[in-house]
């Protein structure tokens, strides 16, 4: 999708706004799983999630190429919207964000605090996306998709940081929402010429990407039933799917109970908060740990934006219901 020079330029843009995030090998995780586990802490960004990188790069290009743009609009379950709100504030552009009814209260509050106009519409992300496209036409705003070259290039900078710090990673687990994060990792690995095996992770109850990879084409599901809202996608991106089929080793499905347990593990072993999507990669590693002995593994903690009641429920030993 882009060259090494493009990726380095994107990293300079991102690092002008925020420092690289840490990648730590936590000893309690090594003790728990019997192998070295490096955690890439994308929960340590200005919005608490990896998506901020894509917003910075997307808005930079948009302002340079179309300075006359009136505003932007997009759909989100939260982190994509926070990313755009963070970047739009710096760019001085109005932003409307459409979220489904019942979306995370605290993610909604964060988007409003960054300056977004928040609009609630539909039962899920895909219905919110349809409304966002209509608003773009009504207002003459730029519609920002959740998967786009600029967004992938932006989030690929976390892969660049990780692989430059740890070029010897054998296997890397990352969650799949609409696919920008996983595609960014694949791109960064390939541009650096590394052999790291990259494994995508989905919930068993939001398995559209797993089904699509198995079928070799986009397979939609009628509904998702996961509390991990960041990976609750019914309709995969065809463009992302092609990159994932070509560059990921495979897709692992994890249960809701396993995701909740991974949230608890992060809290116990590292004292980091992880939202459901952010913990999914660790859930997959936990599932496969017996087969990974002797390897150096890494996981992406993609975000920490979990509502307090949900976190309290998980830390009490329960698995939340889908949002």
C-alpha atoms as a PDB file:
ATOM      1  CA  UNK A   1       0.000   0.000   0.000  1.00  0.00           C
ATOM      2  CA  UNK A   2       2.968   2.314   0.622  1.00  0.00           C
ATOM      3  CA  UNK A   3       6.756   2.436   0.660  1.00  0.00           C
ATOM      4  CA  UNK A   4       9.281   2.491   3.507  1.00  0.00           C
ATOM      5  CA  UNK A   5       9.854   6.187   2.808  1.00  0.00           C
ATOM      6  CA  UNK A   6       6.100   6.781   3.141  1.00  0.00           C
ATOM      7  CA  UNK A   7       6.040   4.890   6.437  1.00  0.00           C
ATOM      8  CA  UNK A   8       9.032   6.804   7.803  1.00  0.00           C
ATOM      9  CA  UNK A   9       7.332  10.081   6.866  1.00  0.00           C
ATOM     10  CA  UNK A  10       4.157   8.953   8.640  1.00  0.00           C
ATOM     11  CA  UNK A  11       6.198   8.094  11.727  1.00  0.00           C
ATOM     12  CA  UNK A  12       7.672  11.605  11.754  1.00  0.00           C
ATOM     13  CA  UNK A  13       4.152  13.057  11.628  1.00  0.00           C
ATOM     14  CA  UNK A  14       2.980  10.839  14.472  1.00  0.00           C
ATOM     15  CA  UNK A  15       6.057  11.429  16.612  1.00  0.00           C
ATOM     16  CA  UNK A  16       5.661  15.188  16.266  1.00  0.00           C
ATOM     17  CA  UNK A  17       2.443  14.740  18.250  1.00  0.00           C
ATOM     18  CA  UNK A  18       3.216  11.811  20.562  1.00  0.00           C
ATOM     19  CA  UNK A  19       6.230   9.688  21.519  1.00  0.00           C
ATOM     20  CA  UNK A  20       6.585   6.043  20.505  1.00  0.00           C
ATOM     21  CA  UNK A  21       4.635   3.748  22.804  1.00  0.00           C
ATOM     22  CA  UNK A  22       6.539   1.245  24.949  1.00  0.00           C
ATOM     23  CA  UNK A  23       6.938  -2.461  24.245  1.00  0.00           C
ATOM     24  CA  UNK A  24       7.565  -4.294  27.506  1.00  0.00           C
ATOM     25  CA  UNK A  25       8.283  -7.950  28.260  1.00  0.00           C
ATOM     26  CA  UNK A  26       6.437  -8.381  31.572  1.00  0.00           C
ATOM     27  CA  UNK A  27       7.945 -11.055  33.869  1.00  0.00           C
ATOM     28  CA  UNK A  28       4.596 -12.159  35.311  1.00  0.00           C
ATOM     29  CA  UNK A  29       3.265 -12.820  31.822  1.00  0.00           C
ATOM     30  CA  UNK A  30       6.379 -14.897  31.083  1.00  0.00           C
ATOM     31  CA  UNK A  31       5.818 -16.812  34.310  1.00  0.00           C
ATOM     32  CA  UNK A  32       2.144 -17.358  33.531  1.00  0.00           C
ATOM     33  CA  UNK A  33       2.575 -18.548  29.940  1.00  0.00           C
ATOM     34  CA  UNK A  34       6.044 -20.090  30.005  1.00  0.00           C
ATOM     35  CA  UNK A  35       7.566 -17.879  27.317  1.00  0.00           C
ATOM     36  CA  UNK A  36       8.680 -14.309  26.693  1.00  0.00           C
ATOM     37  CA  UNK A  37       5.704 -12.080  25.884  1.00  0.00           C
ATOM     38  CA  UNK A  38       6.283  -8.545  24.602  1.00  0.00           C
ATOM     39  CA  UNK A  39       3.287  -6.215  24.986  1.00  0.00           C
ATOM     40  CA  UNK A  40       3.028  -3.267  22.597  1.00  0.00           C
ATOM     41  CA  UNK A  41       1.256  -0.670  24.719  1.00  0.00           C
ATOM     42  CA  UNK A  42      -1.026   1.184  22.339  1.00  0.00           C
ATOM     43  CA  UNK A  43      -3.111   1.974  25.400  1.00  0.00           C
ATOM     44  CA  UNK A  44      -0.435   4.621  26.112  1.00  0.00           C
ATOM     45  CA  UNK A  45      -1.413   7.090  23.362  1.00  0.00           C
ATOM     46  CA  UNK A  46      -3.214  10.441  23.797  1.00  0.00           C
ATOM     47  CA  UNK A  47      -6.566   8.694  23.220  1.00  0.00           C
ATOM     48  CA  UNK A  48      -5.701   5.405  24.925  1.00  0.00           C
ATOM     49  CA  UNK A  49      -5.755   3.448  21.642  1.00  0.00           C
ATOM     50  CA  UNK A  50      -3.684   2.821  18.502  1.00  0.00           C
ATOM     51  CA  UNK A  51      -6.175   4.517  16.175  1.00  0.00           C
ATOM     52  CA  UNK A  52      -4.847   8.005  16.953  1.00  0.00           C
ATOM     53  CA  UNK A  53      -1.956   7.386  14.556  1.00  0.00           C
ATOM     54  CA  UNK A  54      -4.243   6.952  11.552  1.00  0.00           C
ATOM     55  CA  UNK A  55      -6.218  10.098  12.270  1.00  0.00           C
ATOM     56  CA  UNK A  56      -3.060  12.191  12.399  1.00  0.00           C
ATOM     57  CA  UNK A  57      -1.860  10.958   9.000  1.00  0.00           C
ATOM     58  CA  UNK A  58      -5.291  11.093   7.330  1.00  0.00           C
ATOM     59  CA  UNK A  59      -6.003  14.685   8.394  1.00  0.00           C
ATOM     60  CA  UNK A  60      -2.517  15.858   7.410  1.00  0.00           C
ATOM     61  CA  UNK A  61      -3.014  14.617   3.853  1.00  0.00           C
ATOM     62  CA  UNK A  62      -6.582  15.925   3.663  1.00  0.00           C
ATOM     63  CA  UNK A  63      -5.633  19.451   4.766  1.00  0.00           C
ATOM     64  CA  UNK A  64      -2.751  19.593   2.283  1.00  0.00           C
ATOM     65  CA  UNK A  65      -4.696  18.265  -0.701  1.00  0.00           C
ATOM     66  CA  UNK A  66      -8.140  19.728   0.031  1.00  0.00           C
ATOM     67  CA  UNK A  67      -7.749  22.819   2.211  1.00  0.00           C
ATOM     68  CA  UNK A  68     -11.263  23.896   1.234  1.00  0.00           C
ATOM     69  CA  UNK A  69     -12.926  20.851   2.902  1.00  0.00           C
ATOM     70  CA  UNK A  70     -15.880  21.901   5.094  1.00  0.00           C
ATOM     71  CA  UNK A  71     -15.579  19.137   7.668  1.00  0.00           C
ATOM     72  CA  UNK A  72     -15.389  15.392   8.122  1.00  0.00           C
ATOM     73  CA  UNK A  73     -17.811  12.675   9.232  1.00  0.00           C
ATOM     74  CA  UNK A  74     -17.351   9.024  10.126  1.00  0.00           C
ATOM     75  CA  UNK A  75     -18.890   6.108  12.000  1.00  0.00           C
ATOM     76  CA  UNK A  76     -17.260   4.456  14.987  1.00  0.00           C
ATOM     77  CA  UNK A  77     -17.633   2.392  18.120  1.00  0.00           C
ATOM     78  CA  UNK A  78     -15.236   4.815  19.791  1.00  0.00           C
ATOM     79  CA  UNK A  79     -11.493   4.669  19.145  1.00  0.00           C
ATOM     80  CA  UNK A  80     -11.638   5.607  15.457  1.00  0.00           C
ATOM     81  CA  UNK A  81     -13.884   8.524  16.397  1.00  0.00           C
ATOM     82  CA  UNK A  82     -11.532   9.662  19.144  1.00  0.00           C
ATOM     83  CA  UNK A  83      -8.652   9.483  16.683  1.00  0.00           C
ATOM     84  CA  UNK A  84     -10.449  11.720  14.192  1.00  0.00           C
ATOM     85  CA  UNK A  85     -11.617  14.084  16.930  1.00  0.00           C
ATOM     86  CA  UNK A  86      -8.058  14.434  18.242  1.00  0.00           C
ATOM     87  CA  UNK A  87      -6.692  15.109  14.746  1.00  0.00           C
ATOM     88  CA  UNK A  88      -9.598  17.329  13.636  1.00  0.00           C
ATOM     89  CA  UNK A  89      -9.099  19.582  16.630  1.00  0.00           C
ATOM     90  CA  UNK A  90      -5.456  20.094  15.641  1.00  0.00           C
ATOM     91  CA  UNK A  91      -6.477  20.647  12.007  1.00  0.00           C
ATOM     92  CA  UNK A  92      -9.272  23.069  12.905  1.00  0.00           C
ATOM     93  CA  UNK A  93     -11.979  21.043  11.133  1.00  0.00           C
ATOM     94  CA  UNK A  94     -15.547  20.300  12.256  1.00  0.00           C
ATOM     95  CA  UNK A  95     -16.222  16.615  12.870  1.00  0.00           C
ATOM     96  CA  UNK A  96     -19.467  14.668  13.123  1.00  0.00           C
ATOM     97  CA  UNK A  97     -19.271  11.122  14.470  1.00  0.00           C
ATOM     98  CA  UNK A  98     -22.081   8.584  14.229  1.00  0.00           C
ATOM     99  CA  UNK A  99     -22.252   5.840  16.858  1.00  0.00           C
ATOM    100  CA  UNK A 100     -24.856   3.096  17.281  1.00  0.00           C
ATOM    101  CA  UNK A 101     -27.394   3.323  20.088  1.00  0.00           C
ATOM    102  CA  UNK A 102     -26.044   1.757  23.276  1.00  0.00           C
ATOM    103  CA  UNK A 103     -22.448   2.642  22.474  1.00  0.00           C
ATOM    104  CA  UNK A 104     -19.853   2.984  25.239  1.00  0.00           C
ATOM    105  CA  UNK A 105     -20.863   5.893  27.474  1.00  0.00           C
ATOM    106  CA  UNK A 106     -17.275   6.760  28.307  1.00  0.00           C
ATOM    107  CA  UNK A 107     -16.031   6.575  24.708  1.00  0.00           C
ATOM    108  CA  UNK A 108     -18.904   8.851  23.703  1.00  0.00           C
ATOM    109  CA  UNK A 109     -17.916  11.307  26.428  1.00  0.00           C
ATOM    110  CA  UNK A 110     -14.290  11.260  25.290  1.00  0.00           C
ATOM    111  CA  UNK A 111     -15.251  12.020  21.690  1.00  0.00           C
ATOM    112  CA  UNK A 112     -17.387  14.965  22.792  1.00  0.00           C
ATOM    113  CA  UNK A 113     -14.537  16.209  24.989  1.00  0.00           C
ATOM    114  CA  UNK A 114     -12.219  16.221  21.957  1.00  0.00           C
ATOM    115  CA  UNK A 115     -14.779  18.393  20.154  1.00  0.00           C
ATOM    116  CA  UNK A 116     -16.787  15.922  18.049  1.00  0.00           C
ATOM    117  CA  UNK A 117     -20.479  16.320  17.312  1.00  0.00           C
ATOM    118  CA  UNK A 118     -21.855  12.952  18.414  1.00  0.00           C
ATOM    119  CA  UNK A 119     -24.868  11.455  16.609  1.00  0.00           C
ATOM    120  CA  UNK A 120     -26.504   8.199  17.717  1.00  0.00           C
ATOM    121  CA  UNK A 121     -28.038   6.065  14.996  1.00  0.00           C
ATOM    122  CA  UNK A 122     -28.701   2.380  14.310  1.00  0.00           C
ATOM    123  CA  UNK A 123     -28.244  -0.927  16.058  1.00  0.00           C
ATOM    124  CA  UNK A 124     -24.582  -1.483  15.236  1.00  0.00           C
ATOM    125  CA  UNK A 125     -21.499  -0.063  13.526  1.00  0.00           C
ATOM    126  CA  UNK A 126     -22.625  -0.926  10.033  1.00  0.00           C
ATOM    127  CA  UNK A 127     -25.951   0.910  10.388  1.00  0.00           C
ATOM    128  CA  UNK A 128     -24.107   3.887  11.889  1.00  0.00           C
ATOM    129  CA  UNK A 129     -21.761   3.845   8.883  1.00  0.00           C
ATOM    130  CA  UNK A 130     -24.711   4.122   6.487  1.00  0.00           C
ATOM    131  CA  UNK A 131     -25.978   7.200   8.346  1.00  0.00           C
ATOM    132  CA  UNK A 132     -22.503   8.768   8.345  1.00  0.00           C
ATOM    133  CA  UNK A 133     -22.318   8.420   4.549  1.00  0.00           C
ATOM    134  CA  UNK A 134     -25.705  10.138   4.238  1.00  0.00           C
ATOM    135  CA  UNK A 135     -24.572  13.021   6.475  1.00  0.00           C
ATOM    136  CA  UNK A 136     -21.487  13.475   4.287  1.00  0.00           C
ATOM    137  CA  UNK A 137     -23.745  13.977   1.260  1.00  0.00           C
ATOM    138  CA  UNK A 138     -26.118  16.289   3.126  1.00  0.00           C
ATOM    139  CA  UNK A 139     -23.419  18.596   4.520  1.00  0.00           C
ATOM    140  CA  UNK A 140     -20.720  18.335   1.885  1.00  0.00           C
ATOM    141  CA  UNK A 141     -18.345  16.792   4.443  1.00  0.00           C
ATOM    142  CA  UNK A 142     -15.557  14.346   3.692  1.00  0.00           C
ATOM    143  CA  UNK A 143     -16.665  10.829   4.667  1.00  0.00           C
ATOM    144  CA  UNK A 144     -13.792   9.097   6.455  1.00  0.00           C
ATOM    145  CA  UNK A 145     -13.974   5.302   6.183  1.00  0.00           C
ATOM    146  CA  UNK A 146     -12.613   3.041   8.878  1.00  0.00           C
ATOM    147  CA  UNK A 147     -10.228   1.444   6.381  1.00  0.00           C
ATOM    148  CA  UNK A 148      -8.107   3.683   4.131  1.00  0.00           C
ATOM    149  CA  UNK A 149      -4.498   3.808   2.964  1.00  0.00           C
ATOM    150  CA  UNK A 150      -3.727   6.835   5.168  1.00  0.00           C
ATOM    151  CA  UNK A 151      -5.240   5.152   8.226  1.00  0.00           C
ATOM    152  CA  UNK A 152      -3.293   1.953   7.605  1.00  0.00           C
ATOM    153  CA  UNK A 153      -0.070   3.882   7.029  1.00  0.00           C
ATOM    154  CA  UNK A 154      -0.631   5.829  10.233  1.00  0.00           C
ATOM    155  CA  UNK A 155      -1.269   2.820  12.421  1.00  0.00           C
ATOM    156  CA  UNK A 156       1.574   0.932  10.711  1.00  0.00           C
ATOM    157  CA  UNK A 157       3.901   3.237  12.639  1.00  0.00           C
ATOM    158  CA  UNK A 158       3.220   1.159  15.762  1.00  0.00           C
ATOM    159  CA  UNK A 159       4.438  -1.862  13.854  1.00  0.00           C
ATOM    160  CA  UNK A 160       7.538   0.038  12.777  1.00  0.00           C
ATOM    161  CA  UNK A 161       8.266   0.965  16.405  1.00  0.00           C
ATOM    162  CA  UNK A 162       7.719  -2.585  17.605  1.00  0.00           C
ATOM    163  CA  UNK A 163       9.786  -4.320  14.916  1.00  0.00           C
ATOM    164  CA  UNK A 164      12.682  -1.873  15.177  1.00  0.00           C
ATOM    165  CA  UNK A 165      12.823  -2.479  18.935  1.00  0.00           C
ATOM    166  CA  UNK A 166      12.234  -6.247  18.680  1.00  0.00           C
ATOM    167  CA  UNK A 167      13.194  -7.541  15.215  1.00  0.00           C
ATOM    168  CA  UNK A 168      13.444 -11.106  16.576  1.00  0.00           C
ATOM    169  CA  UNK A 169       9.745 -11.626  17.382  1.00  0.00           C
ATOM    170  CA  UNK A 170       8.699 -15.089  16.204  1.00  0.00           C
ATOM    171  CA  UNK A 171       4.927 -14.691  16.423  1.00  0.00           C
ATOM    172  CA  UNK A 172       2.680 -11.669  16.890  1.00  0.00           C
ATOM    173  CA  UNK A 173      -1.023 -11.619  17.795  1.00  0.00           C
ATOM    174  CA  UNK A 174      -3.258  -8.639  16.968  1.00  0.00           C
ATOM    175  CA  UNK A 175      -7.024  -8.043  17.067  1.00  0.00           C
ATOM    176  CA  UNK A 176      -9.083  -7.416  13.934  1.00  0.00           C
ATOM    177  CA  UNK A 177     -11.735  -4.712  13.895  1.00  0.00           C
ATOM    178  CA  UNK A 178     -12.131  -3.507  10.330  1.00  0.00           C
ATOM    179  CA  UNK A 179      -8.504  -4.461   9.704  1.00  0.00           C
ATOM    180  CA  UNK A 180      -6.308  -1.348   9.656  1.00  0.00           C
ATOM    181  CA  UNK A 181      -4.194  -2.432  12.630  1.00  0.00           C
ATOM    182  CA  UNK A 182      -3.467  -5.922  11.342  1.00  0.00           C
ATOM    183  CA  UNK A 183      -2.802  -4.644   7.810  1.00  0.00           C
ATOM    184  CA  UNK A 184      -0.449  -2.021   9.232  1.00  0.00           C
ATOM    185  CA  UNK A 185       1.534  -4.709  11.033  1.00  0.00           C
ATOM    186  CA  UNK A 186       1.736  -6.840   7.900  1.00  0.00           C
ATOM    187  CA  UNK A 187       2.933  -3.847   5.877  1.00  0.00           C
ATOM    188  CA  UNK A 188       5.566  -2.813   8.435  1.00  0.00           C
ATOM    189  CA  UNK A 189       6.891  -6.368   8.735  1.00  0.00           C
ATOM    190  CA  UNK A 190       7.156  -6.781   4.982  1.00  0.00           C
ATOM    191  CA  UNK A 191       8.830  -3.396   4.450  1.00  0.00           C
ATOM    192  CA  UNK A 192      11.439  -4.320   7.071  1.00  0.00           C
ATOM    193  CA  UNK A 193      11.979  -7.745   5.490  1.00  0.00           C
ATOM    194  CA  UNK A 194      11.196  -9.685   8.672  1.00  0.00           C
ATOM    195  CA  UNK A 195       9.783 -13.206   9.008  1.00  0.00           C
ATOM    196  CA  UNK A 196       7.510 -12.664  12.030  1.00  0.00           C
ATOM    197  CA  UNK A 197       4.354 -14.773  11.845  1.00  0.00           C
ATOM    198  CA  UNK A 198       1.320 -12.513  12.277  1.00  0.00           C
ATOM    199  CA  UNK A 199      -1.917 -13.940  13.641  1.00  0.00           C
ATOM    200  CA  UNK A 200      -5.226 -12.080  13.595  1.00  0.00           C
ATOM    201  CA  UNK A 201      -7.699 -12.462  16.448  1.00  0.00           C
ATOM    202  CA  UNK A 202     -11.498 -12.232  16.471  1.00  0.00           C
ATOM    203  CA  UNK A 203     -14.239 -13.100  18.927  1.00  0.00           C
ATOM    204  CA  UNK A 204     -16.129 -16.335  18.334  1.00  0.00           C
ATOM    205  CA  UNK A 205     -19.245 -14.151  18.462  1.00  0.00           C
ATOM    206  CA  UNK A 206     -17.978 -11.654  15.855  1.00  0.00           C
ATOM    207  CA  UNK A 207     -16.215 -13.978  13.449  1.00  0.00           C
ATOM    208  CA  UNK A 208     -16.828 -12.312  10.069  1.00  0.00           C
ATOM    209  CA  UNK A 209     -13.117 -12.032   9.264  1.00  0.00           C
ATOM    210  CA  UNK A 210     -12.402 -15.629  10.263  1.00  0.00           C
ATOM    211  CA  UNK A 211     -15.240 -16.840   8.062  1.00  0.00           C
ATOM    212  CA  UNK A 212     -14.087 -14.584   5.226  1.00  0.00           C
ATOM    213  CA  UNK A 213     -10.499 -15.830   5.354  1.00  0.00           C
ATOM    214  CA  UNK A 214     -11.753 -19.427   5.319  1.00  0.00           C
ATOM    215  CA  UNK A 215     -13.976 -18.688   2.309  1.00  0.00           C
ATOM    216  CA  UNK A 216     -11.469 -16.493   0.479  1.00  0.00           C
ATOM    217  CA  UNK A 217     -14.101 -13.779   0.024  1.00  0.00           C
ATOM    218  CA  UNK A 218     -16.091 -11.316   2.120  1.00  0.00           C
ATOM    219  CA  UNK A 219     -18.607 -13.144   4.307  1.00  0.00           C
ATOM    220  CA  UNK A 220     -21.060 -10.971   6.214  1.00  0.00           C
ATOM    221  CA  UNK A 221     -22.680 -12.031   9.480  1.00  0.00           C
ATOM    222  CA  UNK A 222     -26.151 -10.964  10.557  1.00  0.00           C
ATOM    223  CA  UNK A 223     -25.156  -9.830  14.050  1.00  0.00           C
ATOM    224  CA  UNK A 224     -22.307  -9.687  16.529  1.00  0.00           C
ATOM    225  CA  UNK A 225     -22.600 -10.643  20.165  1.00  0.00           C
ATOM    226  CA  UNK A 226     -19.388  -9.512  21.834  1.00  0.00           C
ATOM    227  CA  UNK A 227     -18.659  -7.047  24.619  1.00  0.00           C
ATOM    228  CA  UNK A 228     -15.406  -6.272  22.769  1.00  0.00           C
ATOM    229  CA  UNK A 229     -16.956  -3.459  20.750  1.00  0.00           C
ATOM    230  CA  UNK A 230     -13.745  -2.641  18.883  1.00  0.00           C
ATOM    231  CA  UNK A 231     -13.917  -5.977  17.045  1.00  0.00           C
ATOM    232  CA  UNK A 232     -17.716  -6.143  16.653  1.00  0.00           C
ATOM    233  CA  UNK A 233     -17.783  -5.979  12.840  1.00  0.00           C
ATOM    234  CA  UNK A 234     -20.427  -7.643  10.646  1.00  0.00           C
ATOM    235  CA  UNK A 235     -19.114  -6.683   7.207  1.00  0.00           C
ATOM    236  CA  UNK A 236     -15.376  -7.014   6.494  1.00  0.00           C
ATOM    237  CA  UNK A 237     -13.484  -4.666   4.182  1.00  0.00           C
ATOM    238  CA  UNK A 238     -12.626  -6.425   0.910  1.00  0.00           C
ATOM    239  CA  UNK A 239      -9.395  -4.443   0.657  1.00  0.00           C
ATOM    240  CA  UNK A 240      -8.326  -5.377   4.182  1.00  0.00           C
ATOM    241  CA  UNK A 241      -9.316  -8.994   3.638  1.00  0.00           C
ATOM    242  CA  UNK A 242      -7.037  -9.306   0.600  1.00  0.00           C
ATOM    243  CA  UNK A 243      -4.048  -8.041   2.607  1.00  0.00           C
ATOM    244  CA  UNK A 244      -4.870 -10.315   5.550  1.00  0.00           C
ATOM    245  CA  UNK A 245      -5.252 -13.414   3.367  1.00  0.00           C
ATOM    246  CA  UNK A 246      -1.896 -12.670   1.741  1.00  0.00           C
ATOM    247  CA  UNK A 247       0.044 -11.609   4.837  1.00  0.00           C
ATOM    248  CA  UNK A 248      -1.389 -13.145   8.003  1.00  0.00           C
ATOM    249  CA  UNK A 249      -0.572 -16.714   8.947  1.00  0.00           C
ATOM    250  CA  UNK A 250      -4.113 -17.420  10.178  1.00  0.00           C
ATOM    251  CA  UNK A 251      -7.013 -16.134  12.263  1.00  0.00           C
ATOM    252  CA  UNK A 252      -7.727 -17.330  15.807  1.00  0.00           C
ATOM    253  CA  UNK A 253     -11.202 -17.199  17.343  1.00  0.00           C
ATOM    254  CA  UNK A 254     -11.443 -16.656  21.095  1.00  0.00           C
ATOM    255  CA  UNK A 255     -14.402 -16.882  23.442  1.00  0.00           C
ATOM    256  CA  UNK A 256     -15.946 -14.036  25.387  1.00  0.00           C
ATOM    257  CA  UNK A 257     -14.845 -15.724  28.611  1.00  0.00           C
ATOM    258  CA  UNK A 258     -11.266 -15.856  27.304  1.00  0.00           C
ATOM    259  CA  UNK A 259     -11.307 -12.155  26.438  1.00  0.00           C
ATOM    260  CA  UNK A 260     -12.601 -11.288  29.910  1.00  0.00           C
ATOM    261  CA  UNK A 261      -9.890 -13.445  31.471  1.00  0.00           C
ATOM    262  CA  UNK A 262      -7.264 -11.630  29.389  1.00  0.00           C
ATOM    263  CA  UNK A 263      -8.531  -8.276  30.704  1.00  0.00           C
ATOM    264  CA  UNK A 264      -8.083  -9.652  34.226  1.00  0.00           C
ATOM    265  CA  UNK A 265      -4.618 -10.976  33.348  1.00  0.00           C
ATOM    266  CA  UNK A 266      -3.474  -7.580  32.097  1.00  0.00           C
ATOM    267  CA  UNK A 267      -4.694  -5.969  35.304  1.00  0.00           C
ATOM    268  CA  UNK A 268      -3.129  -8.586  37.574  1.00  0.00           C
ATOM    269  CA  UNK A 269       0.202  -9.066  35.801  1.00  0.00           C
ATOM    270  CA  UNK A 270       0.882  -5.567  34.422  1.00  0.00           C
ATOM    271  CA  UNK A 271      -1.639  -3.261  36.121  1.00  0.00           C
ATOM    272  CA  UNK A 272      -2.747  -1.976  32.724  1.00  0.00           C
ATOM    273  CA  UNK A 273      -6.372  -1.465  31.763  1.00  0.00           C
ATOM    274  CA  UNK A 274      -7.435  -3.181  28.535  1.00  0.00           C
ATOM    275  CA  UNK A 275     -10.740  -2.927  26.720  1.00  0.00           C
ATOM    276  CA  UNK A 276     -12.152  -6.117  25.237  1.00  0.00           C
ATOM    277  CA  UNK A 277     -10.615  -5.648  21.792  1.00  0.00           C
ATOM    278  CA  UNK A 278      -7.340  -4.646  23.440  1.00  0.00           C
ATOM    279  CA  UNK A 279      -7.210  -7.916  25.377  1.00  0.00           C
ATOM    280  CA  UNK A 280      -8.215 -10.217  22.507  1.00  0.00           C
ATOM    281  CA  UNK A 281      -4.638 -10.794  21.317  1.00  0.00           C
ATOM    282  CA  UNK A 282      -3.547 -11.914  24.785  1.00  0.00           C
ATOM    283  CA  UNK A 283      -6.558 -14.251  24.912  1.00  0.00           C
ATOM    284  CA  UNK A 284      -5.335 -15.891  21.703  1.00  0.00           C
ATOM    285  CA  UNK A 285      -1.786 -16.209  23.025  1.00  0.00           C
ATOM    286  CA  UNK A 286      -3.135 -17.789  26.219  1.00  0.00           C
ATOM    287  CA  UNK A 287      -5.071 -20.306  24.120  1.00  0.00           C
ATOM    288  CA  UNK A 288      -1.965 -21.293  22.120  1.00  0.00           C
ATOM    289  CA  UNK A 289       0.762 -20.844  24.751  1.00  0.00           C
ATOM    290  CA  UNK A 290       1.543 -24.575  25.164  1.00  0.00           C
ATOM    291  CA  UNK A 291       2.544 -24.722  21.481  1.00  0.00           C
ATOM    292  CA  UNK A 292       4.749 -21.627  21.697  1.00  0.00           C
ATOM    293  CA  UNK A 293       7.452 -22.821  24.093  1.00  0.00           C
ATOM    294  CA  UNK A 294      10.873 -21.486  23.146  1.00  0.00           C
ATOM    295  CA  UNK A 295       9.475 -18.709  20.961  1.00  0.00           C
ATOM    296  CA  UNK A 296       9.473 -14.948  21.460  1.00  0.00           C
ATOM    297  CA  UNK A 297       5.878 -13.791  21.210  1.00  0.00           C
ATOM    298  CA  UNK A 298       4.281 -10.359  21.108  1.00  0.00           C
ATOM    299  CA  UNK A 299       0.747  -9.069  21.532  1.00  0.00           C
ATOM    300  CA  UNK A 300      -0.878  -5.761  20.716  1.00  0.00           C
ATOM    301  CA  UNK A 301      -2.724  -4.114  23.606  1.00  0.00           C
ATOM    302  CA  UNK A 302      -4.643  -1.964  21.166  1.00  0.00           C
ATOM    303  CA  UNK A 303      -6.692   0.101  23.598  1.00  0.00           C
ATOM    304  CA  UNK A 304      -7.722   0.702  27.197  1.00  0.00           C
ATOM    305  CA  UNK A 305     -11.042   2.490  26.744  1.00  0.00           C
ATOM    306  CA  UNK A 306     -13.298   0.244  28.777  1.00  0.00           C
ATOM    307  CA  UNK A 307     -16.293   1.623  30.679  1.00  0.00           C
ATOM    308  CA  UNK A 308     -15.981   1.486  34.457  1.00  0.00           C
ATOM    309  CA  UNK A 309     -19.064  -0.754  35.024  1.00  0.00           C
ATOM    310  CA  UNK A 310     -17.745  -3.252  32.454  1.00  0.00           C
ATOM    311  CA  UNK A 311     -14.304  -3.307  34.071  1.00  0.00           C
ATOM    312  CA  UNK A 312     -15.829  -3.792  37.518  1.00  0.00           C
ATOM    313  CA  UNK A 313     -17.880  -6.708  36.216  1.00  0.00           C
ATOM    314  CA  UNK A 314     -14.807  -8.354  34.690  1.00  0.00           C
ATOM    315  CA  UNK A 315     -12.642  -7.840  37.754  1.00  0.00           C
ATOM    316  CA  UNK A 316     -15.439  -9.402  39.808  1.00  0.00           C
ATOM    317  CA  UNK A 317     -14.957 -12.571  37.783  1.00  0.00           C
ATOM    318  CA  UNK A 318     -17.873 -12.252  35.361  1.00  0.00           C
ATOM    319  CA  UNK A 319     -18.054 -11.940  31.568  1.00  0.00           C
ATOM    320  CA  UNK A 320     -20.069  -8.919  30.384  1.00  0.00           C
ATOM    321  CA  UNK A 321     -22.886  -9.207  27.921  1.00  0.00           C
ATOM    322  CA  UNK A 322     -22.532  -7.656  24.452  1.00  0.00           C
ATOM    323  CA  UNK A 323     -22.944  -3.899  24.285  1.00  0.00           C
END
